[in-house]
Amino acid sequence: VLKRSKDEANKIATDMLARVGLSEKADEFPIRLSGGQQQRVAIARALC
């Protein structure tokens, strides 16, 4: 949507995951997360 480069998008995603306390979950899939973790990922996605 925003046409950011892959590198820029990955950096912002990493920053936002850290902001919601989920840096270690970057490579996980949603099914492996608790509901609270999934909602924090959803917030991070919006903030990206």
All heavy atoms as atom14 arrays in JSON, in Angstrom:
{
  "sequence": "VLKRSKDEANKIATDMLARVGLSEKADEFPIRLSGGQQQRVAIARALC",
  "atom14_mask": [
    [1, 1, 1, 1, 1, 1, 1, 0, 0, 0, 0, 0, 0, 0],
    [1, 1, 1, 1, 1, 1, 1, 1, 0, 0, 0, 0, 0, 0],
    [1, 1, 1, 1, 1, 1, 1, 1, 1, 0, 0, 0, 0, 0],
    [1, 1, 1, 1, 1, 1, 1, 1, 1, 1, 1, 0, 0, 0],
    [1, 1, 1, 1, 1, 1, 0, 0, 0, 0, 0, 0, 0, 0],
    [1, 1, 1, 1, 1, 1, 1, 1, 1, 0, 0, 0, 0, 0],
    [1, 1, 1, 1, 1, 1, 1, 1, 0, 0, 0, 0, 0, 0],
    [1, 1, 1, 1, 1, 1, 1, 1, 1, 0, 0, 0, 0, 0],
    [1, 1, 1, 1, 1, 0, 0, 0, 0, 0, 0, 0, 0, 0],
    [1, 1, 1, 1, 1, 1, 1, 1, 0, 0, 0, 0, 0, 0],
    [1, 1, 1, 1, 1, 1, 1, 1, 1, 0, 0, 0, 0, 0],
    [1, 1, 1, 1, 1, 1, 1, 1, 0, 0, 0, 0, 0, 0],
    [1, 1, 1, 1, 1, 0, 0, 0, 0, 0, 0, 0, 0, 0],
    [1, 1, 1, 1, 1, 1, 1, 0, 0, 0, 0, 0, 0, 0],
    [1, 1, 1, 1, 1, 1, 1, 1, 0, 0, 0, 0, 0, 0],
    [1, 1, 1, 1, 1, 1, 1, 1, 0, 0, 0, 0, 0, 0],
    [1, 1, 1, 1, 1, 1, 1, 1, 0, 0, 0, 0, 0, 0],
    [1, 1, 1, 1, 1, 0, 0, 0, 0, 0, 0, 0, 0, 0],
    [1, 1, 1, 1, 1, 1, 1, 1, 1, 1, 1, 0, 0, 0],
    [1, 1, 1, 1, 1, 1, 1, 0, 0, 0, 0, 0, 0, 0],
    [1, 1, 1, 1, 0, 0, 0, 0, 0, 0, 0, 0, 0, 0],
    [1, 1, 1, 1, 1, 1, 1, 1, 0, 0, 0, 0, 0, 0],
    [1, 1, 1, 1, 1, 1, 0, 0, 0, 0, 0, 0, 0, 0],
    [1, 1, 1, 1, 1, 1, 1, 1, 1, 0, 0, 0, 0, 0],
    [1, 1, 1, 1, 1, 1, 1, 1, 1, 0, 0, 0, 0, 0],
    [1, 1, 1, 1, 1, 0, 0, 0, 0, 0, 0, 0, 0, 0],
    [1, 1, 1, 1, 1, 1, 1, 1, 0, 0, 0, 0, 0, 0],
    [1, 1, 1, 1, 1, 1, 1, 1, 1, 0, 0, 0, 0, 0],
    [1, 1, 1, 1, 1, 1, 1, 1, 1, 1, 1, 0, 0, 0],
    [1, 1, 1, 1, 1, 1, 1, 0, 0, 0, 0, 0, 0, 0],
    [1, 1, 1, 1, 1, 1, 1, 1, 0, 0, 0, 0, 0, 0],
    [1, 1, 1, 1, 1, 1, 1, 1, 1, 1, 1, 0, 0, 0],
    [1, 1, 1, 1, 1, 1, 1, 1, 0, 0, 0, 0, 0, 0],
    [1, 1, 1, 1, 1, 1, 0, 0, 0, 0, 0, 0, 0, 0],
    [1, 1, 1, 1, 0, 0, 0, 0, 0, 0, 0, 0, 0, 0],
    [1, 1, 1, 1, 0, 0, 0, 0, 0, 0, 0, 0, 0, 0],
    [1, 1, 1, 1, 1, 1, 1, 1, 1, 0, 0, 0, 0, 0],
    [1, 1, 1, 1, 1, 1, 1, 1, 1, 0, 0, 0, 0, 0],
    [1, 1, 1, 1, 1, 1, 1, 1, 1, 0, 0, 0, 0, 0],
    [1, 1, 1, 1, 1, 1, 1, 1, 1, 1, 1, 0, 0, 0],
    [1, 1, 1, 1, 1, 1, 1, 0, 0, 0, 0, 0, 0, 0],
    [1, 1, 1, 1, 1, 0, 0, 0, 0, 0, 0, 0, 0, 0],
    [1, 1, 1, 1, 1, 1, 1, 1, 0, 0, 0, 0, 0, 0],
    [1, 1, 1, 1, 1, 0, 0, 0, 0, 0, 0, 0, 0, 0],
    [1, 1, 1, 1, 1, 1, 1, 1, 1, 1, 1, 0, 0, 0],
    [1, 1, 1, 1, 1, 0, 0, 0, 0, 0, 0, 0, 0, 0],
    [1, 1, 1, 1, 1, 1, 1, 1, 0, 0, 0, 0, 0, 0],
    [1, 1, 1, 1, 1, 1, 0, 0, 0, 0, 0, 0, 0, 0]
  ],
  "atom14_positions": [
    [[0.82, -1.21, 0.0], [0.0, 0.0, 0.0], [0.86, 1.26, 0.0], [0.64, 2.19, -0.78], [-0.96, 0.0, 1.21], [-1.76, 1.3, 1.26], [-1.89, -1.2, 1.15], [0.0, 0.0, 0.0], [0.0, 0.0, 0.0], [0.0, 0.0, 0.0], [0.0, 0.0, 0.0], [0.0, 0.0, 0.0], [0.0, 0.0, 0.0], [0.0, 0.0, 0.0]],
    [[1.85, 1.3, 0.89], [2.68, 2.5, 1.02], [3.9, 2.48, 0.1], [4.61, 3.48, 0.01], [3.15, 2.65, 2.47], [2.04, 2.83, 3.51], [2.64, 3.01, 4.9], [1.13, 4.0, 3.16], [0.0, 0.0, 0.0], [0.0, 0.0, 0.0], [0.0, 0.0, 0.0], [0.0, 0.0, 0.0], [0.0, 0.0, 0.0], [0.0, 0.0, 0.0]],
    [[4.14, 1.34, -0.55], [5.24, 1.2, -1.52], [6.6, 1.44, -0.87], [7.54, 1.92, -1.52], [5.06, 2.15, -2.72], [3.69, 2.03, -3.39], [3.42, 0.62, -3.87], [2.06, 0.51, -4.54], [1.7, -0.9, -4.9], [0.0, 0.0, 0.0], [0.0, 0.0, 0.0], [0.0, 0.0, 0.0], [0.0, 0.0, 0.0], [0.0, 0.0, 0.0]],
    [[6.73, 1.08, 0.39], [8.04, 1.15, 1.03], [8.93, 0.01, 0.51], [8.43, -1.04, 0.1], [7.9, 1.03, 2.55], [7.28, 2.24, 3.22], [7.08, 2.02, 4.7], [6.43, 3.18, 5.32], [5.7, 3.12, 6.42], [5.5, 1.95, 7.03], [5.16, 4.21, 6.92], [0.0, 0.0, 0.0], [0.0, 0.0, 0.0], [0.0, 0.0, 0.0]],
    [[10.21, 0.23, 0.58], [11.13, -0.84, 0.19], [11.06, -1.97, 1.21], [10.63, -1.77, 2.35], [12.56, -0.31, 0.12], [13.03, 0.0, 1.43], [0.0, 0.0, 0.0], [0.0, 0.0, 0.0], [0.0, 0.0, 0.0], [0.0, 0.0, 0.0], [0.0, 0.0, 0.0], [0.0, 0.0, 0.0], [0.0, 0.0, 0.0], [0.0, 0.0, 0.0]],
    [[11.49, -3.14, 0.81], [11.46, -4.29, 1.71], [12.32, -4.04, 2.94], [11.92, -4.37, 4.06], [11.94, -5.54, 0.97], [11.82, -6.82, 1.77], [12.22, -8.03, 0.94], [12.12, -9.31, 1.76], [12.53, -10.5, 0.95], [0.0, 0.0, 0.0], [0.0, 0.0, 0.0], [0.0, 0.0, 0.0], [0.0, 0.0, 0.0], [0.0, 0.0, 0.0]],
    [[13.48, -3.43, 2.74], [14.37, -3.16, 3.87], [13.74, -2.17, 4.85], [13.8, -2.38, 6.07], [15.71, -2.6, 3.38], [16.59, -3.68, 2.73], [16.28, -4.87, 2.9], [17.57, -3.31, 2.05], [0.0, 0.0, 0.0], [0.0, 0.0, 0.0], [0.0, 0.0, 0.0], [0.0, 0.0, 0.0], [0.0, 0.0, 0.0], [0.0, 0.0, 0.0]],
    [[13.13, -1.12, 4.32], [12.5, -0.13, 5.19], [11.33, -0.75, 5.94], [11.15, -0.53, 7.14], [12.02, 1.07, 4.38], [11.38, 2.16, 5.24], [10.81, 3.32, 4.44], [10.75, 3.22, 3.2], [10.41, 4.31, 5.06], [0.0, 0.0, 0.0], [0.0, 0.0, 0.0], [0.0, 0.0, 0.0], [0.0, 0.0, 0.0], [0.0, 0.0, 0.0]],
    [[10.53, -1.55, 5.23], [9.37, -2.19, 5.86], [9.81, -3.14, 6.96], [9.19, -3.18, 8.04], [8.55, -2.93, 4.81], [0.0, 0.0, 0.0], [0.0, 0.0, 0.0], [0.0, 0.0, 0.0], [0.0, 0.0, 0.0], [0.0, 0.0, 0.0], [0.0, 0.0, 0.0], [0.0, 0.0, 0.0], [0.0, 0.0, 0.0], [0.0, 0.0, 0.0]],
    [[10.87, -3.89, 6.73], [11.35, -4.83, 7.74], [11.88, -4.1, 8.97], [11.67, -4.54, 10.1], [12.44, -5.73, 7.15], [11.86, -6.9, 6.39], [10.88, -7.51, 6.81], [12.45, -7.23, 5.25], [0.0, 0.0, 0.0], [0.0, 0.0, 0.0], [0.0, 0.0, 0.0], [0.0, 0.0, 0.0], [0.0, 0.0, 0.0], [0.0, 0.0, 0.0]],
    [[12.56, -2.97, 8.76], [13.08, -2.21, 9.89], [11.93, -1.66, 10.73], [11.95, -1.75, 11.98], [13.96, -1.05, 9.42], [14.55, -0.25, 10.57], [15.35, 0.92, 10.11], [16.02, 1.62, 11.31], [15.07, 1.96, 12.39], [0.0, 0.0, 0.0], [0.0, 0.0, 0.0], [0.0, 0.0, 0.0], [0.0, 0.0, 0.0], [0.0, 0.0, 0.0]],
    [[10.92, -1.1, 10.07], [9.77, -0.57, 10.81], [9.05, -1.69, 11.55], [8.65, -1.54, 12.71], [8.82, 0.17, 9.85], [9.5, 1.45, 9.35], [7.49, 0.5, 10.53], [8.75, 2.16, 8.23], [0.0, 0.0, 0.0], [0.0, 0.0, 0.0], [0.0, 0.0, 0.0], [0.0, 0.0, 0.0], [0.0, 0.0, 0.0], [0.0, 0.0, 0.0]],
    [[8.89, -2.85, 10.89], [8.23, -3.99, 11.54], [9.01, -4.43, 12.78], [8.42, -4.71, 13.84], [8.11, -5.14, 10.55], [0.0, 0.0, 0.0], [0.0, 0.0, 0.0], [0.0, 0.0, 0.0], [0.0, 0.0, 0.0], [0.0, 0.0, 0.0], [0.0, 0.0, 0.0], [0.0, 0.0, 0.0], [0.0, 0.0, 0.0], [0.0, 0.0, 0.0]],
    [[10.32, -4.48, 12.67], [11.16, -4.87, 13.81], [10.99, -3.88, 14.96], [10.86, -4.27, 16.12], [12.63, -4.94, 13.38], [12.78, -5.95, 12.38], [13.53, -5.29, 14.55], [0.0, 0.0, 0.0], [0.0, 0.0, 0.0], [0.0, 0.0, 0.0], [0.0, 0.0, 0.0], [0.0, 0.0, 0.0], [0.0, 0.0, 0.0], [0.0, 0.0, 0.0]],
    [[10.97, -2.59, 14.62], [10.79, -1.56, 15.66], [9.44, -1.69, 16.34], [9.34, -1.55, 17.58], [10.92, -0.16, 15.04], [12.34, 0.15, 14.59], [13.27, -0.57, 15.0], [12.5, 1.11, 13.81], [0.0, 0.0, 0.0], [0.0, 0.0, 0.0], [0.0, 0.0, 0.0], [0.0, 0.0, 0.0], [0.0, 0.0, 0.0], [0.0, 0.0, 0.0]],
    [[8.39, -1.95, 15.56], [7.05, -2.02, 16.13], [6.85, -3.29, 16.96], [6.14, -3.27, 17.97], [5.99, -1.91, 15.03], [5.96, -0.54, 14.37], [5.75, 0.81, 15.56], [6.46, 2.18, 14.65], [0.0, 0.0, 0.0], [0.0, 0.0, 0.0], [0.0, 0.0, 0.0], [0.0, 0.0, 0.0], [0.0, 0.0, 0.0], [0.0, 0.0, 0.0]],
    [[7.46, -4.38, 16.54], [7.39, -5.6, 17.37], [8.07, -5.37, 18.71], [7.59, -5.84, 19.75], [8.02, -6.78, 16.64], [7.16, -7.45, 15.57], [7.94, -8.57, 14.9], [5.86, -8.01, 16.17], [0.0, 0.0, 0.0], [0.0, 0.0, 0.0], [0.0, 0.0, 0.0], [0.0, 0.0, 0.0], [0.0, 0.0, 0.0], [0.0, 0.0, 0.0]],
    [[9.19, -4.66, 18.69], [9.87, -4.34, 19.95], [8.96, -3.46, 20.82], [8.9, -3.63, 22.05], [11.19, -3.64, 19.67], [0.0, 0.0, 0.0], [0.0, 0.0, 0.0], [0.0, 0.0, 0.0], [0.0, 0.0, 0.0], [0.0, 0.0, 0.0], [0.0, 0.0, 0.0], [0.0, 0.0, 0.0], [0.0, 0.0, 0.0], [0.0, 0.0, 0.0]],
    [[8.25, -2.56, 20.18], [7.38, -1.63, 20.91], [6.28, -2.37, 21.66], [5.87, -1.94, 22.74], [6.78, -0.64, 19.92], [5.97, 0.47, 20.53], [5.57, 1.46, 19.45], [4.83, 2.58, 19.97], [4.43, 3.61, 19.25], [4.74, 3.66, 17.97], [3.75, 4.6, 19.78], [0.0, 0.0, 0.0], [0.0, 0.0, 0.0], [0.0, 0.0, 0.0]],
    [[5.79, -3.47, 21.09], [4.73, -4.24, 21.76], [5.27, -5.45, 22.51], [4.52, -6.3, 22.97], [3.63, -4.67, 20.75], [2.99, -3.46, 20.1], [4.15, -5.65, 19.71], [0.0, 0.0, 0.0], [0.0, 0.0, 0.0], [0.0, 0.0, 0.0], [0.0, 0.0, 0.0], [0.0, 0.0, 0.0], [0.0, 0.0, 0.0], [0.0, 0.0, 0.0]],
    [[6.6, -5.53, 22.61], [7.22, -6.58, 23.42], [7.24, -7.96, 22.8], [7.22, -8.97, 23.51], [0.0, 0.0, 0.0], [0.0, 0.0, 0.0], [0.0, 0.0, 0.0], [0.0, 0.0, 0.0], [0.0, 0.0, 0.0], [0.0, 0.0, 0.0], [0.0, 0.0, 0.0], [0.0, 0.0, 0.0], [0.0, 0.0, 0.0], [0.0, 0.0, 0.0]],
    [[7.31, -8.03, 21.46], [7.25, -9.34, 20.79], [8.38, -9.52, 19.77], [8.21, -10.21, 18.76], [5.9, -9.5, 20.09], [4.69, -9.67, 21.01], [3.4, -9.66, 20.21], [4.79, -10.96, 21.83], [0.0, 0.0, 0.0], [0.0, 0.0, 0.0], [0.0, 0.0, 0.0], [0.0, 0.0, 0.0], [0.0, 0.0, 0.0], [0.0, 0.0, 0.0]],
    [[9.54, -8.96, 20.04], [10.66, -9.07, 19.1], [10.99, -10.51, 18.77], [11.36, -10.83, 17.63], [11.89, -8.37, 19.67], [11.67, -6.99, 19.81], [0.0, 0.0, 0.0], [0.0, 0.0, 0.0], [0.0, 0.0, 0.0], [0.0, 0.0, 0.0], [0.0, 0.0, 0.0], [0.0, 0.0, 0.0], [0.0, 0.0, 0.0], [0.0, 0.0, 0.0]],
    [[10.84, -11.39, 19.74], [11.26, -12.79, 19.55], [10.25, -13.6, 18.75], [10.51, -14.77, 18.42], [11.48, -13.44, 20.91], [10.22, -13.84, 21.67], [9.49, -12.67, 22.35], [9.96, -11.52, 22.21], [8.47, -12.92, 23.02], [0.0, 0.0, 0.0], [0.0, 0.0, 0.0], [0.0, 0.0, 0.0], [0.0, 0.0, 0.0], [0.0, 0.0, 0.0]],
    [[9.11, -13.0, 18.38], [8.06, -13.74, 17.67], [8.0, -13.43, 16.18], [7.06, -13.86, 15.5], [6.7, -13.42, 18.3], [6.59, -13.79, 19.77], [6.73, -15.27, 20.02], [6.5, -15.61, 21.48], [6.66, -17.07, 21.75], [0.0, 0.0, 0.0], [0.0, 0.0, 0.0], [0.0, 0.0, 0.0], [0.0, 0.0, 0.0], [0.0, 0.0, 0.0]],
    [[8.99, -12.73, 15.64], [8.92, -12.27, 14.24], [8.72, -13.41, 13.25], [8.01, -13.26, 12.25], [10.19, -11.49, 13.89], [0.0, 0.0, 0.0], [0.0, 0.0, 0.0], [0.0, 0.0, 0.0], [0.0, 0.0, 0.0], [0.0, 0.0, 0.0], [0.0, 0.0, 0.0], [0.0, 0.0, 0.0], [0.0, 0.0, 0.0], [0.0, 0.0, 0.0]],
    [[9.32, -14.57, 13.51], [9.25, -15.67, 12.55], [8.15, -16.67, 12.85], [7.99, -17.66, 12.11], [10.61, -16.4, 12.5], [11.72, -15.49, 11.99], [11.43, -14.65, 11.11], [12.86, -15.61, 12.47], [0.0, 0.0, 0.0], [0.0, 0.0, 0.0], [0.0, 0.0, 0.0], [0.0, 0.0, 0.0], [0.0, 0.0, 0.0], [0.0, 0.0, 0.0]],
    [[7.4, -16.43, 13.91], [6.29, -17.33, 14.26], [5.09, -17.06, 13.35], [4.96, -16.0, 12.74], [5.88, -17.14, 15.71], [6.92, -17.51, 16.73], [7.04, -19.02, 16.93], [6.4, -19.78, 16.18], [7.77, -19.43, 17.86], [0.0, 0.0, 0.0], [0.0, 0.0, 0.0], [0.0, 0.0, 0.0], [0.0, 0.0, 0.0], [0.0, 0.0, 0.0]],
    [[4.17, -18.04, 13.31], [2.91, -17.85, 12.61], [1.82, -17.61, 13.67], [1.94, -18.08, 14.81], [2.58, -19.06, 11.74], [3.39, -19.11, 10.48], [4.71, -19.54, 10.5], [2.85, -18.68, 9.27], [5.48, -19.56, 9.34], [3.6, -18.69, 8.11], [4.92, -19.12, 8.14], [0.0, 0.0, 0.0], [0.0, 0.0, 0.0], [0.0, 0.0, 0.0]],
    [[0.77, -16.88, 13.3], [-0.25, -16.49, 14.29], [-0.8, -17.66, 15.11], [-1.07, -17.48, 16.31], [-1.34, -15.84, 13.42], [-0.58, -15.24, 12.28], [0.52, -16.22, 11.99], [0.0, 0.0, 0.0], [0.0, 0.0, 0.0], [0.0, 0.0, 0.0], [0.0, 0.0, 0.0], [0.0, 0.0, 0.0], [0.0, 0.0, 0.0], [0.0, 0.0, 0.0]],
    [[-0.95, -18.82, 14.52], [-1.55, -19.95, 15.24], [-0.72, -20.37, 16.44], [-1.22, -20.98, 17.38], [-1.78, -21.15, 14.28], [-2.74, -22.15, 14.92], [-0.46, -21.79, 13.9], [-3.19, -23.25, 13.98], [0.0, 0.0, 0.0], [0.0, 0.0, 0.0], [0.0, 0.0, 0.0], [0.0, 0.0, 0.0], [0.0, 0.0, 0.0], [0.0, 0.0, 0.0]],
    [[0.57, -20.03, 16.43], [1.46, -20.41, 17.53], [1.53, -19.35, 18.63], [2.31, -19.49, 19.57], [2.86, -20.7, 16.98], [2.9, -21.91, 16.06], [4.29, -22.1, 15.48], [5.3, -22.28, 16.53], [5.61, -23.44, 17.08], [4.97, -24.55, 16.72], [6.56, -23.51, 18.0], [0.0, 0.0, 0.0], [0.0, 0.0, 0.0], [0.0, 0.0, 0.0]],
    [[0.72, -18.32, 18.5], [0.71, -17.25, 19.49], [-0.55, -17.29, 20.35], [-1.6, -17.76, 19.9], [0.76, -15.88, 18.79], [1.93, -15.61, 17.84], [1.78, -14.23, 17.22], [3.27, -15.75, 18.55], [0.0, 0.0, 0.0], [0.0, 0.0, 0.0], [0.0, 0.0, 0.0], [0.0, 0.0, 0.0], [0.0, 0.0, 0.0], [0.0, 0.0, 0.0]],
    [[-0.45, -16.8, 21.56], [-1.64, -16.66, 22.4], [-2.52, -15.55, 21.83], [-2.09, -14.74, 20.99], [-1.23, -16.3, 23.83], [-0.72, -14.97, 23.88], [0.0, 0.0, 0.0], [0.0, 0.0, 0.0], [0.0, 0.0, 0.0], [0.0, 0.0, 0.0], [0.0, 0.0, 0.0], [0.0, 0.0, 0.0], [0.0, 0.0, 0.0], [0.0, 0.0, 0.0]],
    [[-3.74, -15.49, 22.32], [-4.64, -14.43, 21.86], [-4.1, -13.05, 22.16], [-4.18, -12.13, 21.33], [0.0, 0.0, 0.0], [0.0, 0.0, 0.0], [0.0, 0.0, 0.0], [0.0, 0.0, 0.0], [0.0, 0.0, 0.0], [0.0, 0.0, 0.0], [0.0, 0.0, 0.0], [0.0, 0.0, 0.0], [0.0, 0.0, 0.0], [0.0, 0.0, 0.0]],
    [[-3.53, -12.88, 23.35], [-2.97, -11.58, 23.7], [-1.81, -11.2, 22.8], [-1.66, -10.04, 22.41], [0.0, 0.0, 0.0], [0.0, 0.0, 0.0], [0.0, 0.0, 0.0], [0.0, 0.0, 0.0], [0.0, 0.0, 0.0], [0.0, 0.0, 0.0], [0.0, 0.0, 0.0], [0.0, 0.0, 0.0], [0.0, 0.0, 0.0], [0.0, 0.0, 0.0]],
    [[-0.97, -12.19, 22.47], [0.14, -11.92, 21.56], [-0.36, -11.58, 20.16], [0.16, -10.68, 19.5], [1.08, -13.14, 21.51], [1.86, -13.35, 22.79], [2.6, -14.67, 22.81], [2.21, -15.64, 22.14], [3.66, -14.74, 23.6], [0.0, 0.0, 0.0], [0.0, 0.0, 0.0], [0.0, 0.0, 0.0], [0.0, 0.0, 0.0], [0.0, 0.0, 0.0]],
    [[-1.39, -12.3, 19.7], [-1.94, -12.0, 18.38], [-2.5, -10.57, 18.33], [-2.32, -9.86, 17.33], [-3.05, -13.0, 18.03], [-2.54, -14.39, 17.72], [-3.65, -15.3, 17.23], [-4.29, -15.04, 16.23], [-3.89, -16.39, 17.96], [0.0, 0.0, 0.0], [0.0, 0.0, 0.0], [0.0, 0.0, 0.0], [0.0, 0.0, 0.0], [0.0, 0.0, 0.0]],
    [[-3.16, -10.15, 19.41], [-3.71, -8.8, 19.4], [-2.61, -7.75, 19.44], [-2.72, -6.69, 18.8], [-4.69, -8.61, 20.57], [-5.56, -7.37, 20.48], [-6.46, -7.35, 19.25], [-5.98, -7.22, 18.12], [-7.75, -7.49, 19.47], [0.0, 0.0, 0.0], [0.0, 0.0, 0.0], [0.0, 0.0, 0.0], [0.0, 0.0, 0.0], [0.0, 0.0, 0.0]],
    [[-1.53, -8.04, 20.15], [-0.4, -7.11, 20.16], [0.25, -7.03, 18.77], [0.69, -5.96, 18.34], [0.61, -7.5, 21.22], [0.18, -7.12, 22.62], [1.28, -7.34, 23.63], [1.44, -8.73, 23.98], [2.56, -9.26, 24.49], [3.64, -8.51, 24.65], [2.61, -10.55, 24.81], [0.0, 0.0, 0.0], [0.0, 0.0, 0.0], [0.0, 0.0, 0.0]],
    [[0.32, -8.17, 18.07], [0.82, -8.15, 16.69], [-0.11, -7.3, 15.81], [0.35, -6.52, 14.97], [0.94, -9.58, 16.13], [1.2, -9.56, 14.62], [2.05, -10.34, 16.84], [0.0, 0.0, 0.0], [0.0, 0.0, 0.0], [0.0, 0.0, 0.0], [0.0, 0.0, 0.0], [0.0, 0.0, 0.0], [0.0, 0.0, 0.0], [0.0, 0.0, 0.0]],
    [[-1.42, -7.44, 16.03], [-2.37, -6.65, 15.24], [-2.18, -5.16, 15.49], [-2.26, -4.34, 14.56], [-3.8, -7.07, 15.58], [0.0, 0.0, 0.0], [0.0, 0.0, 0.0], [0.0, 0.0, 0.0], [0.0, 0.0, 0.0], [0.0, 0.0, 0.0], [0.0, 0.0, 0.0], [0.0, 0.0, 0.0], [0.0, 0.0, 0.0], [0.0, 0.0, 0.0]],
    [[-1.91, -4.77, 16.73], [-1.64, -3.37, 17.04], [-0.34, -2.93, 16.35], [-0.27, -1.85, 15.74], [-1.56, -3.14, 18.56], [-2.94, -3.4, 19.19], [-1.08, -1.73, 18.88], [-2.93, -3.4, 20.72], [0.0, 0.0, 0.0], [0.0, 0.0, 0.0], [0.0, 0.0, 0.0], [0.0, 0.0, 0.0], [0.0, 0.0, 0.0], [0.0, 0.0, 0.0]],
    [[0.69, -3.77, 16.43], [1.96, -3.44, 15.79], [1.78, -3.28, 14.28], [2.37, -2.39, 13.66], [3.0, -4.52, 16.09], [0.0, 0.0, 0.0], [0.0, 0.0, 0.0], [0.0, 0.0, 0.0], [0.0, 0.0, 0.0], [0.0, 0.0, 0.0], [0.0, 0.0, 0.0], [0.0, 0.0, 0.0], [0.0, 0.0, 0.0], [0.0, 0.0, 0.0]],
    [[0.97, -4.16, 13.68], [0.74, -4.07, 12.24], [0.09, -2.74, 11.88], [0.48, -2.09, 10.91], [-0.16, -5.23, 11.77], [-0.46, -5.19, 10.28], [-1.27, -6.39, 9.83], [-2.59, -6.41, 10.47], [-3.5, -7.36, 10.23], [-3.22, -8.35, 9.39], [-4.67, -7.33, 10.84], [0.0, 0.0, 0.0], [0.0, 0.0, 0.0], [0.0, 0.0, 0.0]],
    [[-0.89, -2.31, 12.68], [-1.53, -1.03, 12.42], [-0.53, 0.11, 12.57], [-0.5, 1.05, 11.78], [-2.72, -0.83, 13.36], [0.0, 0.0, 0.0], [0.0, 0.0, 0.0], [0.0, 0.0, 0.0], [0.0, 0.0, 0.0], [0.0, 0.0, 0.0], [0.0, 0.0, 0.0], [0.0, 0.0, 0.0], [0.0, 0.0, 0.0], [0.0, 0.0, 0.0]],
    [[0.32, 0.03, 13.59], [1.3, 1.1, 13.83], [2.35, 1.17, 12.73], [2.93, 2.25, 12.5], [1.97, 0.89, 15.19], [1.08, 1.05, 16.42], [1.85, 0.71, 17.67], [0.53, 2.47, 16.51], [0.0, 0.0, 0.0], [0.0, 0.0, 0.0], [0.0, 0.0, 0.0], [0.0, 0.0, 0.0], [0.0, 0.0, 0.0], [0.0, 0.0, 0.0]],
    [[2.62, 0.06, 12.06], [3.59, 0.06, 10.97], [3.21, 1.03, 9.85], [4.07, 1.5, 9.11], [3.74, -1.35, 10.39], [4.81, -2.44, 11.34], [0.0, 0.0, 0.0], [0.0, 0.0, 0.0], [0.0, 0.0, 0.0], [0.0, 0.0, 0.0], [0.0, 0.0, 0.0], [0.0, 0.0, 0.0], [0.0, 0.0, 0.0], [0.0, 0.0, 0.0]]
  ]
}
